[in-house]
Amino acid sequence: MPGSRALTRRVKRMEEAGKPKPSLITVWYGSFDAWVEQAVLPGVESGALEPDDMVDVVAALRGWEALYAR
């Protein structure tokens, strides 16, 4: 039954290729919201990051992540 095993491996590879890959933010922080809480908010509160700009940056990155996480 080598043919059926090869077919099973091929189907598994195809299924894995179709799954969305997590973004680097998700890999590094666990989730997008965790990144915002751990990196963005403390930076805004300390004054290192501009609040108005970070709202736009976070919104753009969230949209990008939603688009490519399909």
Protein backbone atom coordinates (compact mmCIF):
# COMPACT_ATOMS: atom_id res chain seq x y z
CA MET A 1 0.00 0.00 0.00
CA PRO A 2 2.76 2.50 -0.68
CA GLY A 3 0.44 4.39 -3.04
CA SER A 4 -2.14 5.08 -0.33
CA ARG A 5 0.55 6.26 2.13
CA ALA A 6 1.98 8.60 -0.47
CA LEU A 7 -1.51 9.95 -1.17
CA THR A 8 -2.10 10.47 2.56
CA ARG A 9 1.17 12.41 2.87
CA ARG A 10 0.30 14.52 -0.15
CA VAL A 11 -3.15 15.36 1.24
CA LYS A 12 -1.63 16.28 4.60
CA ARG A 13 0.86 18.65 2.90
CA MET A 14 -1.95 20.26 0.94
CA GLU A 15 -4.03 20.75 4.08
CA GLU A 16 -1.09 22.29 5.95
CA ALA A 17 -0.38 24.65 3.05
CA GLY A 18 -3.97 25.89 3.15
CA LYS A 19 -3.89 26.83 6.84
CA PRO A 20 -3.23 30.47 7.70
CA LYS A 21 0.18 31.18 9.16
CA PRO A 22 0.30 33.33 12.29
CA SER A 23 1.86 36.77 12.04
CA LEU A 24 5.13 37.50 13.79
CA ILE A 25 3.25 39.60 16.35
CA THR A 26 1.11 36.57 17.20
CA VAL A 27 4.16 34.31 17.36
CA TRP A 28 6.11 36.70 19.61
CA TYR A 29 3.29 37.85 21.92
CA GLY A 30 0.64 35.13 21.66
CA SER A 31 -2.00 37.43 20.20
CA PHE A 32 -2.39 40.85 18.65
CA ASP A 33 -4.20 42.16 21.73
CA ALA A 34 -1.38 40.94 23.98
CA TRP A 35 1.09 42.92 21.85
CA VAL A 36 -1.00 46.05 22.23
CA GLU A 37 -1.17 45.56 26.02
CA GLN A 38 2.49 44.62 26.49
CA ALA A 39 4.27 46.87 23.99
CA VAL A 40 2.06 49.63 22.67
CA LEU A 41 0.15 50.85 25.73
CA PRO A 42 3.22 51.11 27.99
CA GLY A 43 5.01 53.02 25.24
CA VAL A 44 2.12 55.43 24.86
CA GLU A 45 1.81 55.90 28.63
CA SER A 46 5.54 56.59 29.01
CA GLY A 47 5.49 59.11 26.17
CA ALA A 48 7.84 57.10 23.96
CA LEU A 49 5.07 56.57 21.39
CA GLU A 50 2.72 59.23 20.06
CA PRO A 51 -0.87 58.24 20.98
CA ASP A 52 -2.51 59.63 17.83
CA ASP A 53 -0.02 57.93 15.55
CA MET A 54 -0.20 54.60 17.38
CA VAL A 55 -3.98 54.45 16.95
CA ASP A 56 -3.43 54.57 13.18
CA VAL A 57 -0.49 52.14 13.29
CA VAL A 58 -2.38 49.59 15.40
CA ALA A 59 -5.46 49.88 13.16
CA ALA A 60 -3.37 49.39 10.02
CA LEU A 61 -1.53 46.39 11.46
CA ARG A 62 -4.77 44.85 12.74
CA GLY A 63 -6.29 45.20 9.27
CA TRP A 64 -3.20 43.69 7.66
CA GLU A 65 -3.24 40.78 10.09
CA ALA A 66 -6.94 40.12 9.46
CA LEU A 67 -6.39 40.23 5.71
CA TYR A 68 -3.45 37.82 5.65
CA ALA A 69 -4.57 35.47 8.43
CA ARG A 70 -7.26 33.93 6.24
